[in-house]
Amino acid sequence: MESEEIYERLKRVKEPITGVDIVSLGLVEAVTVDEDGVRVYLRLSEGLHHPFQNALSWPVRWRIIRDIVAALDDVAGLEILDARTLERYYPLEED
């Protein structure tokens, strides 16, 4: 699977507050595809400087992650990471 196809599928994922797709909003920093799988780097933590802001954003972040996983459910080796912190959102546990 090529990164262009991944981007196209990610355009189906909508940010829950605005209803705009996450690619158009610039929330997808990068997509890498190699022999180990597919990694999607997201910009979900930018602009969050206070722990309270971070806590309030979690429901929105997890909905986006859940929707990405659903859109890419047939992609082997899928990893979703925060582009700034490299925190891994998905999968939650090592296989």
PDB file of N, CA and C in Angstrom:
ATOM      1  N   MET A   1       0.848  -1.182   0.000  1.00  0.00           N
ATOM      2  CA  MET A   1       0.000   0.000   0.000  1.00  0.00           C
ATOM      3  C   MET A   1       0.895   1.247   0.000  1.00  0.00           C
ATOM      4  N   GLU A   2       0.572   2.196  -0.823  1.00  0.00           N
ATOM      5  CA  GLU A   2       1.346   3.429  -0.951  1.00  0.00           C
ATOM      6  C   GLU A   2       0.827   4.505   0.009  1.00  0.00           C
ATOM      7  N   SER A   3       1.686   5.464   0.345  1.00  0.00           N
ATOM      8  CA  SER A   3       1.288   6.530   1.271  1.00  0.00           C
ATOM      9  C   SER A   3       0.151   7.381   0.704  1.00  0.00           C
ATOM     10  N   GLU A   4       0.083   7.537  -0.628  1.00  0.00           N
ATOM     11  CA  GLU A   4      -0.991   8.322  -1.231  1.00  0.00           C
ATOM     12  C   GLU A   4      -2.357   7.696  -0.941  1.00  0.00           C
ATOM     13  N   GLU A   5      -2.419   6.363  -0.982  1.00  0.00           N
ATOM     14  CA  GLU A   5      -3.669   5.673  -0.685  1.00  0.00           C
ATOM     15  C   GLU A   5      -4.049   5.856   0.789  1.00  0.00           C
ATOM     16  N   ILE A   6      -3.043   5.837   1.658  1.00  0.00           N
ATOM     17  CA  ILE A   6      -3.296   6.063   3.089  1.00  0.00           C
ATOM     18  C   ILE A   6      -3.864   7.464   3.299  1.00  0.00           C
ATOM     19  N   TYR A   7      -3.258   8.474   2.657  1.00  0.00           N
ATOM     20  CA  TYR A   7      -3.768   9.848   2.769  1.00  0.00           C
ATOM     21  C   TYR A   7      -5.215   9.927   2.294  1.00  0.00           C
ATOM     22  N   GLU A   8      -5.530   9.273   1.190  1.00  0.00           N
ATOM     23  CA  GLU A   8      -6.902   9.304   0.674  1.00  0.00           C
ATOM     24  C   GLU A   8      -7.878   8.695   1.671  1.00  0.00           C
ATOM     25  N   ARG A   9      -7.485   7.611   2.290  1.00  0.00           N
ATOM     26  CA  ARG A   9      -8.358   6.987   3.275  1.00  0.00           C
ATOM     27  C   ARG A   9      -8.477   7.838   4.530  1.00  0.00           C
ATOM     28  N   LEU A  10      -7.408   8.534   4.897  1.00  0.00           N
ATOM     29  CA  LEU A  10      -7.448   9.416   6.070  1.00  0.00           C
ATOM     30  C   LEU A  10      -8.357  10.620   5.843  1.00  0.00           C
ATOM     31  N   LYS A  11      -8.577  10.978   4.588  1.00  0.00           N
ATOM     32  CA  LYS A  11      -9.488  12.085   4.288  1.00  0.00           C
ATOM     33  C   LYS A  11     -10.930  11.753   4.662  1.00  0.00           C
ATOM     34  N   ARG A  12     -11.226  10.482   4.886  1.00  0.00           N
ATOM     35  CA  ARG A  12     -12.564  10.075   5.330  1.00  0.00           C
ATOM     36  C   ARG A  12     -12.779  10.339   6.826  1.00  0.00           C
ATOM     37  N   VAL A  13     -11.673  10.542   7.548  1.00  0.00           N
ATOM     38  CA  VAL A  13     -11.746  10.752   9.004  1.00  0.00           C
ATOM     39  C   VAL A  13     -11.996  12.236   9.263  1.00  0.00           C
ATOM     40  N   LYS A  14     -13.064  12.528   9.965  1.00  0.00           N
ATOM     41  CA  LYS A  14     -13.455  13.910  10.248  1.00  0.00           C
ATOM     42  C   LYS A  14     -13.090  14.303  11.677  1.00  0.00           C
ATOM     43  N   GLU A  15     -12.630  15.516  11.839  1.00  0.00           N
ATOM     44  CA  GLU A  15     -12.413  16.068  13.171  1.00  0.00           C
ATOM     45  C   GLU A  15     -13.803  16.274  13.757  1.00  0.00           C
ATOM     46  N   PRO A  16     -14.093  15.735  14.952  1.00  0.00           N
ATOM     47  CA  PRO A  16     -15.471  15.697  15.435  1.00  0.00           C
ATOM     48  C   PRO A  16     -16.113  17.053  15.717  1.00  0.00           C
ATOM     49  N   ILE A  17     -15.355  18.068  15.987  1.00  0.00           N
ATOM     50  CA  ILE A  17     -15.939  19.378  16.301  1.00  0.00           C
ATOM     51  C   ILE A  17     -16.267  20.152  15.037  1.00  0.00           C
ATOM     52  N   THR A  18     -15.332  20.191  14.082  1.00  0.00           N
ATOM     53  CA  THR A  18     -15.535  20.984  12.875  1.00  0.00           C
ATOM     54  C   THR A  18     -16.176  20.197  11.737  1.00  0.00           C
ATOM     55  N   GLY A  19     -15.984  18.870  11.739  1.00  0.00           N
ATOM     56  CA  GLY A  19     -16.491  18.050  10.647  1.00  0.00           C
ATOM     57  C   GLY A  19     -15.620  18.080   9.409  1.00  0.00           C
ATOM     58  N   VAL A  20     -14.458  18.730   9.504  1.00  0.00           N
ATOM     59  CA  VAL A  20     -13.517  18.804   8.383  1.00  0.00           C
ATOM     60  C   VAL A  20     -12.563  17.613   8.491  1.00  0.00           C
ATOM     61  N   ASP A  21     -12.134  17.087   7.347  1.00  0.00           N
ATOM     62  CA  ASP A  21     -11.248  15.923   7.393  1.00  0.00           C
ATOM     63  C   ASP A  21      -9.888  16.290   7.986  1.00  0.00           C
ATOM     64  N   ILE A  22      -9.257  15.305   8.620  1.00  0.00           N
ATOM     65  CA  ILE A  22      -8.024  15.563   9.363  1.00  0.00           C
ATOM     66  C   ILE A  22      -6.844  15.895   8.466  1.00  0.00           C
ATOM     67  N   VAL A  23      -6.870  15.470   7.207  1.00  0.00           N
ATOM     68  CA  VAL A  23      -5.793  15.816   6.281  1.00  0.00           C
ATOM     69  C   VAL A  23      -5.883  17.298   5.916  1.00  0.00           C
ATOM     70  N   SER A  24      -7.071  17.766   5.563  1.00  0.00           N
ATOM     71  CA  SER A  24      -7.261  19.178   5.201  1.00  0.00           C
ATOM     72  C   SER A  24      -6.955  20.107   6.365  1.00  0.00           C
ATOM     73  N   LEU A  25      -7.229  19.644   7.587  1.00  0.00           N
ATOM     74  CA  LEU A  25      -6.946  20.459   8.776  1.00  0.00           C
ATOM     75  C   LEU A  25      -5.460  20.503   9.122  1.00  0.00           C
ATOM     76  N   GLY A  26      -4.660  19.680   8.482  1.00  0.00           N
ATOM     77  CA  GLY A  26      -3.228  19.637   8.776  1.00  0.00           C
ATOM     78  C   GLY A  26      -2.892  18.817  10.014  1.00  0.00           C
ATOM     79  N   LEU A  27      -3.808  17.969  10.432  1.00  0.00           N
ATOM     80  CA  LEU A  27      -3.542  17.143  11.612  1.00  0.00           C
ATOM     81  C   LEU A  27      -2.671  15.932  11.293  1.00  0.00           C
ATOM     82  N   VAL A  28      -2.526  15.605  10.015  1.00  0.00           N
ATOM     83  CA  VAL A  28      -1.642  14.514   9.612  1.00  0.00           C
ATOM     84  C   VAL A  28      -0.314  15.132   9.193  1.00  0.00           C
ATOM     85  N   GLU A  29       0.699  14.928  10.012  1.00  0.00           N
ATOM     86  CA  GLU A  29       2.045  15.464   9.730  1.00  0.00           C
ATOM     87  C   GLU A  29       2.725  14.670   8.623  1.00  0.00           C
ATOM     88  N   ALA A  30       2.664  13.335   8.736  1.00  0.00           N
ATOM     89  CA  ALA A  30       3.341  12.492   7.753  1.00  0.00           C
ATOM     90  C   ALA A  30       2.780  11.079   7.816  1.00  0.00           C
ATOM     91  N   VAL A  31       2.990  10.372   6.723  1.00  0.00           N
ATOM     92  CA  VAL A  31       2.674   8.949   6.637  1.00  0.00           C
ATOM     93  C   VAL A  31       3.906   8.271   6.061  1.00  0.00           C
ATOM     94  N   THR A  32       4.372   7.227   6.746  1.00  0.00           N
ATOM     95  CA  THR A  32       5.493   6.457   6.215  1.00  0.00           C
ATOM     96  C   THR A  32       5.044   5.019   5.999  1.00  0.00           C
ATOM     97  N   VAL A  33       5.479   4.468   4.873  1.00  0.00           N
ATOM     98  CA  VAL A  33       5.162   3.087   4.530  1.00  0.00           C
ATOM     99  C   VAL A  33       6.484   2.397   4.210  1.00  0.00           C
ATOM    100  N   ASP A  34       6.762   1.291   4.919  1.00  0.00           N
ATOM    101  CA  ASP A  34       7.951   0.504   4.636  1.00  0.00           C
ATOM    102  C   ASP A  34       7.667  -0.955   4.946  1.00  0.00           C
ATOM    103  N   GLU A  35       8.707  -1.770   4.929  1.00  0.00           N
ATOM    104  CA  GLU A  35       8.512  -3.208   5.139  1.00  0.00           C
ATOM    105  C   GLU A  35       8.004  -3.546   6.535  1.00  0.00           C
ATOM    106  N   ASP A  36       8.166  -2.627   7.499  1.00  0.00           N
ATOM    107  CA  ASP A  36       7.680  -2.861   8.862  1.00  0.00           C
ATOM    108  C   ASP A  36       6.209  -2.504   9.042  1.00  0.00           C
ATOM    109  N   GLY A  37       5.654  -1.737   8.133  1.00  0.00           N
ATOM    110  CA  GLY A  37       4.251  -1.361   8.232  1.00  0.00           C
ATOM    111  C   GLY A  37       4.021   0.096   7.865  1.00  0.00           C
ATOM    112  N   VAL A  38       2.944   0.638   8.413  1.00  0.00           N
ATOM    113  CA  VAL A  38       2.526   2.008   8.123  1.00  0.00           C
ATOM    114  C   VAL A  38       2.525   2.792   9.431  1.00  0.00           C
ATOM    115  N   ARG A  39       3.144   3.975   9.400  1.00  0.00           N
ATOM    116  CA  ARG A  39       3.121   4.866  10.551  1.00  0.00           C
ATOM    117  C   ARG A  39       2.462   6.186  10.141  1.00  0.00           C
ATOM    118  N   VAL A  40       1.506   6.592  10.962  1.00  0.00           N
ATOM    119  CA  VAL A  40       0.805   7.854  10.744  1.00  0.00           C
ATOM    120  C   VAL A  40       1.207   8.780  11.886  1.00  0.00           C
ATOM    121  N   TYR A  41       1.785   9.924  11.538  1.00  0.00           N
ATOM    122  CA  TYR A  41       2.208  10.917  12.523  1.00  0.00           C
ATOM    123  C   TYR A  41       1.178  12.049  12.554  1.00  0.00           C
ATOM    124  N   LEU A  42       0.614  12.272  13.733  1.00  0.00           N
ATOM    125  CA  LEU A  42      -0.453  13.265  13.889  1.00  0.00           C
ATOM    126  C   LEU A  42       0.005  14.464  14.697  1.00  0.00           C
ATOM    127  N   ARG A  43      -0.608  15.588  14.417  1.00  0.00           N
ATOM    128  CA  ARG A  43      -0.342  16.828  15.141  1.00  0.00           C
ATOM    129  C   ARG A  43      -1.521  17.110  16.075  1.00  0.00           C
ATOM    130  N   LEU A  44      -1.697  16.255  17.060  1.00  0.00           N
ATOM    131  CA  LEU A  44      -2.834  16.397  17.968  1.00  0.00           C
ATOM    132  C   LEU A  44      -2.480  17.133  19.246  1.00  0.00           C
ATOM    133  N   SER A  45      -1.206  17.263  19.561  1.00  0.00           N
ATOM    134  CA  SER A  45      -0.826  17.900  20.831  1.00  0.00           C
ATOM    135  C   SER A  45      -0.286  19.310  20.657  1.00  0.00           C
ATOM    136  N   GLU A  46      -0.204  19.794  19.441  1.00  0.00           N
ATOM    137  CA  GLU A  46       0.306  21.146  19.222  1.00  0.00           C
ATOM    138  C   GLU A  46      -0.648  22.180  19.798  1.00  0.00           C
ATOM    139  N   GLY A  47      -0.088  23.172  20.425  1.00  0.00           N
ATOM    140  CA  GLY A  47      -0.885  24.248  20.997  1.00  0.00           C
ATOM    141  C   GLY A  47      -1.446  23.927  22.367  1.00  0.00           C
ATOM    142  N   LEU A  48      -1.151  22.748  22.877  1.00  0.00           N
ATOM    143  CA  LEU A  48      -1.617  22.368  24.209  1.00  0.00           C
ATOM    144  C   LEU A  48      -0.456  22.548  25.184  1.00  0.00           C
ATOM    145  N   HIS A  49      -0.538  23.596  25.997  1.00  0.00           N
ATOM    146  CA  HIS A  49       0.576  23.901  26.886  1.00  0.00           C
ATOM    147  C   HIS A  49       0.244  23.657  28.350  1.00  0.00           C
ATOM    148  N   HIS A  50      -1.001  23.639  28.673  1.00  0.00           N
ATOM    149  CA  HIS A  50      -1.428  23.460  30.053  1.00  0.00           C
ATOM    150  C   HIS A  50      -2.032  22.066  30.211  1.00  0.00           C
ATOM    151  N   PRO A  51      -1.760  21.389  31.327  1.00  0.00           N
ATOM    152  CA  PRO A  51      -2.334  20.048  31.514  1.00  0.00           C
ATOM    153  C   PRO A  51      -3.864  20.014  31.403  1.00  0.00           C
ATOM    154  N   PHE A  52      -4.532  21.091  31.781  1.00  0.00           N
ATOM    155  CA  PHE A  52      -5.983  21.143  31.680  1.00  0.00           C
ATOM    156  C   PHE A  52      -6.428  21.105  30.225  1.00  0.00           C
ATOM    157  N   GLN A  53      -5.718  21.829  29.357  1.00  0.00           N
ATOM    158  CA  GLN A  53      -6.022  21.790  27.922  1.00  0.00           C
ATOM    159  C   GLN A  53      -5.834  20.375  27.380  1.00  0.00           C
ATOM    160  N   ASN A  54      -4.765  19.745  27.817  1.00  0.00           N
ATOM    161  CA  ASN A  54      -4.469  18.390  27.381  1.00  0.00           C
ATOM    162  C   ASN A  54      -5.587  17.433  27.794  1.00  0.00           C
ATOM    163  N   ALA A  55      -6.040  17.556  29.036  1.00  0.00           N
ATOM    164  CA  ALA A  55      -7.104  16.675  29.540  1.00  0.00           C
ATOM    165  C   ALA A  55      -8.403  16.876  28.769  1.00  0.00           C
ATOM    166  N   LEU A  56      -8.739  18.117  28.465  1.00  0.00           N
ATOM    167  CA  LEU A  56      -9.976  18.392  27.735  1.00  0.00           C
ATOM    168  C   LEU A  56      -9.942  17.868  26.304  1.00  0.00           C
ATOM    169  N   SER A  57      -8.761  17.769  25.727  1.00  0.00           N
ATOM    170  CA  SER A  57      -8.659  17.342  24.334  1.00  0.00           C
ATOM    171  C   SER A  57      -8.687  15.827  24.158  1.00  0.00           C
ATOM    172  N   TRP A  58      -8.525  15.050  25.225  1.00  0.00           N
ATOM    173  CA  TRP A  58      -8.440  13.598  25.076  1.00  0.00           C
ATOM    174  C   TRP A  58      -9.668  12.961  24.414  1.00  0.00           C
ATOM    175  N   PRO A  59     -10.882  13.316  24.762  1.00  0.00           N
ATOM    176  CA  PRO A  59     -12.020  12.677  24.071  1.00  0.00           C
ATOM    177  C   PRO A  59     -12.008  12.893  22.555  1.00  0.00           C
ATOM    178  N   VAL A  60     -11.606  14.082  22.134  1.00  0.00           N
ATOM    179  CA  VAL A  60     -11.540  14.371  20.700  1.00  0.00           C
ATOM    180  C   VAL A  60     -10.411  13.569  20.064  1.00  0.00           C
ATOM    181  N   ARG A  61      -9.261  13.542  20.718  1.00  0.00           N
ATOM    182  CA  ARG A  61      -8.122  12.784  20.185  1.00  0.00           C
ATOM    183  C   ARG A  61      -8.466  11.309  20.021  1.00  0.00           C
ATOM    184  N   TRP A  62      -9.070  10.715  21.050  1.00  0.00           N
ATOM    185  CA  TRP A  62      -9.358   9.285  20.981  1.00  0.00           C
ATOM    186  C   TRP A  62     -10.423   8.970  19.944  1.00  0.00           C
ATOM    187  N   ARG A  63     -11.326   9.877  19.720  1.00  0.00           N
ATOM    188  CA  ARG A  63     -12.308   9.639  18.646  1.00  0.00           C
ATOM    189  C   ARG A  63     -11.606   9.654  17.288  1.00  0.00           C
ATOM    190  N   ILE A  64     -10.685  10.586  17.099  1.00  0.00           N
ATOM    191  CA  ILE A  64      -9.918  10.638  15.848  1.00  0.00           C
ATOM    192  C   ILE A  64      -9.109   9.356  15.676  1.00  0.00           C
ATOM    193  N   ILE A  65      -8.442   8.913  16.729  1.00  0.00           N
ATOM    194  CA  ILE A  65      -7.652   7.683  16.658  1.00  0.00           C
ATOM    195  C   ILE A  65      -8.551   6.500  16.306  1.00  0.00           C
ATOM    196  N   ARG A  66      -9.675   6.386  16.989  1.00  0.00           N
ATOM    197  CA  ARG A  66     -10.613   5.284  16.729  1.00  0.00           C
ATOM    198  C   ARG A  66     -11.066   5.296  15.266  1.00  0.00           C
ATOM    199  N   ASP A  67     -11.354   6.486  14.741  1.00  0.00           N
ATOM    200  CA  ASP A  67     -11.816   6.598  13.353  1.00  0.00           C
ATOM    201  C   ASP A  67     -10.699   6.274  12.358  1.00  0.00           C
ATOM    202  N   ILE A  68      -9.457   6.627  12.700  1.00  0.00           N
ATOM    203  CA  ILE A  68      -8.324   6.270  11.834  1.00  0.00           C
ATOM    204  C   ILE A  68      -8.163   4.759  11.797  1.00  0.00           C
ATOM    205  N   VAL A  69      -8.220   4.128  12.960  1.00  0.00           N
ATOM    206  CA  VAL A  69      -8.096   2.671  13.020  1.00  0.00           C
ATOM    207  C   VAL A  69      -9.192   2.014  12.186  1.00  0.00           C
ATOM    208  N   ALA A  70     -10.411   2.527  12.257  1.00  0.00           N
ATOM    209  CA  ALA A  70     -11.510   1.979  11.461  1.00  0.00           C
ATOM    210  C   ALA A  70     -11.264   2.171   9.964  1.00  0.00           C
ATOM    211  N   ALA A  71     -10.737   3.341   9.579  1.00  0.00           N
ATOM    212  CA  ALA A  71     -10.491   3.628   8.161  1.00  0.00           C
ATOM    213  C   ALA A  71      -9.352   2.788   7.599  1.00  0.00           C
ATOM    214  N   LEU A  72      -8.429   2.386   8.467  1.00  0.00           N
ATOM    215  CA  LEU A  72      -7.258   1.622   8.032  1.00  0.00           C
ATOM    216  C   LEU A  72      -7.253   0.221   8.637  1.00  0.00           C
ATOM    217  N   ASP A  73      -8.429  -0.336   8.848  1.00  0.00           N
ATOM    218  CA  ASP A  73      -8.545  -1.609   9.563  1.00  0.00           C
ATOM    219  C   ASP A  73      -7.867  -2.785   8.875  1.00  0.00           C
ATOM    220  N   ASP A  74      -7.619  -2.702   7.591  1.00  0.00           N
ATOM    221  CA  ASP A  74      -6.979  -3.800   6.868  1.00  0.00           C
ATOM    222  C   ASP A  74      -5.485  -3.575   6.635  1.00  0.00           C
ATOM    223  N   VAL A  75      -4.928  -2.531   7.241  1.00  0.00           N
ATOM    224  CA  VAL A  75      -3.518  -2.194   7.057  1.00  0.00           C
ATOM    225  C   VAL A  75      -2.687  -2.935   8.104  1.00  0.00           C
ATOM    226  N   ALA A  76      -1.760  -3.745   7.634  1.00  0.00           N
ATOM    227  CA  ALA A  76      -0.893  -4.503   8.545  1.00  0.00           C
ATOM    228  C   ALA A  76       0.197  -3.592   9.100  1.00  0.00           C
ATOM    229  N   GLY A  77       0.514  -3.773  10.370  1.00  0.00           N
ATOM    230  CA  GLY A  77       1.607  -3.028  10.984  1.00  0.00           C
ATOM    231  C   GLY A  77       1.307  -1.554  11.180  1.00  0.00           C
ATOM    232  N   LEU A  78       0.051  -1.218  11.430  1.00  0.00           N
ATOM    233  CA  LEU A  78      -0.339   0.183  11.603  1.00  0.00           C
ATOM    234  C   LEU A  78       0.107   0.704  12.965  1.00  0.00           C
ATOM    235  N   GLU A  79       0.759   1.856  12.944  1.00  0.00           N
ATOM    236  CA  GLU A  79       1.115   2.572  14.161  1.00  0.00           C
ATOM    237  C   GLU A  79       0.664   4.013  13.989  1.00  0.00           C
ATOM    238  N   ILE A  80       0.098   4.588  15.054  1.00  0.00           N
ATOM    239  CA  ILE A  80      -0.316   5.984  15.037  1.00  0.00           C
ATOM    240  C   ILE A  80       0.436   6.673  16.163  1.00  0.00           C
ATOM    241  N   LEU A  81       1.192   7.731  15.799  1.00  0.00           N
ATOM    242  CA  LEU A  81       2.047   8.417  16.754  1.00  0.00           C
ATOM    243  C   LEU A  81       1.810   9.918  16.735  1.00  0.00           C
ATOM    244  N   ASP A  82       2.121  10.567  17.850  1.00  0.00           N
ATOM    245  CA  ASP A  82       2.089  12.020  17.905  1.00  0.00           C
ATOM    246  C   ASP A  82       3.376  12.538  17.257  1.00  0.00           C
ATOM    247  N   ALA A  83       3.265  13.456  16.328  1.00  0.00           N
ATOM    248  CA  ALA A  83       4.424  13.947  15.586  1.00  0.00           C
ATOM    249  C   ALA A  83       5.390  14.725  16.473  1.00  0.00           C
ATOM    250  N   ARG A  84       4.885  15.374  17.510  1.00  0.00           N
ATOM    251  CA  ARG A  84       5.747  16.197  18.367  1.00  0.00           C
ATOM    252  C   ARG A  84       6.395  15.380  19.473  1.00  0.00           C
ATOM    253  N   THR A  85       5.615  14.567  20.156  1.00  0.00           N
ATOM    254  CA  THR A  85       6.112  13.838  21.321  1.00  0.00           C
ATOM    255  C   THR A  85       6.520  12.398  20.995  1.00  0.00           C
ATOM    256  N   LEU A  86       6.105  11.898  19.835  1.00  0.00           N
ATOM    257  CA  LEU A  86       6.288  10.510  19.418  1.00  0.00           C
ATOM    258  C   LEU A  86       5.584   9.519  20.337  1.00  0.00           C
ATOM    259  N   GLU A  87       4.620  10.032  21.121  1.00  0.00           N
ATOM    260  CA  GLU A  87       3.774   9.158  21.924  1.00  0.00           C
ATOM    261  C   GLU A  87       2.985   8.271  20.973  1.00  0.00           C
ATOM    262  N   ARG A  88       2.934   6.998  21.292  1.00  0.00           N
ATOM    263  CA  ARG A  88       2.205   6.077  20.432  1.00  0.00           C
ATOM    264  C   ARG A  88       0.765   6.004  20.909  1.00  0.00           C
ATOM    265  N   TYR A  89      -0.156   6.339  20.003  1.00  0.00           N
ATOM    266  CA  TYR A  89      -1.578   6.255  20.281  1.00  0.00           C
ATOM    267  C   TYR A  89      -2.126   4.867  19.993  1.00  0.00           C
ATOM    268  N   TYR A  90      -1.603   4.237  18.941  1.00  0.00           N
ATOM    269  CA  TYR A  90      -2.122   2.929  18.528  1.00  0.00           C
ATOM    270  C   TYR A  90      -0.998   2.145  17.872  1.00  0.00           C
ATOM    271  N   PRO A  91      -0.851   0.876  18.127  1.00  0.00           N
ATOM    272  CA  PRO A  91      -1.599   0.101  19.117  1.00  0.00           C
ATOM    273  C   PRO A  91      -1.160   0.458  20.528  1.00  0.00           C
ATOM    274  N   LEU A  92      -2.039   0.223  21.475  1.00  0.00           N
ATOM    275  CA  LEU A  92      -1.743   0.577  22.855  1.00  0.00           C
ATOM    276  C   LEU A  92      -0.714  -0.353  23.476  1.00  0.00           C
ATOM    277  N   GLU A  93      -0.730  -1.600  23.096  1.00  0.00           N
ATOM    278  CA  GLU A  93       0.184  -2.593  23.671  1.00  0.00           C
ATOM    279  C   GLU A  93       1.004  -3.234  22.581  1.00  0.00           C
ATOM    280  N   GLU A  94       2.178  -3.695  22.954  1.00  0.00           N
ATOM    281  CA  GLU A  94       3.013  -4.435  22.023  1.00  0.00           C
ATOM    282  C   GLU A  94       2.346  -5.772  21.725  1.00  0.00           C
ATOM    283  N   ASP A  95       2.502  -6.247  20.512  1.00  0.00           N
ATOM    284  CA  ASP A  95       1.962  -7.573  20.146  1.00  0.00           C
ATOM    285  C   ASP A  95       2.817  -8.664  20.727  1.00  0.00           C
TER     286      ASP A  95
END
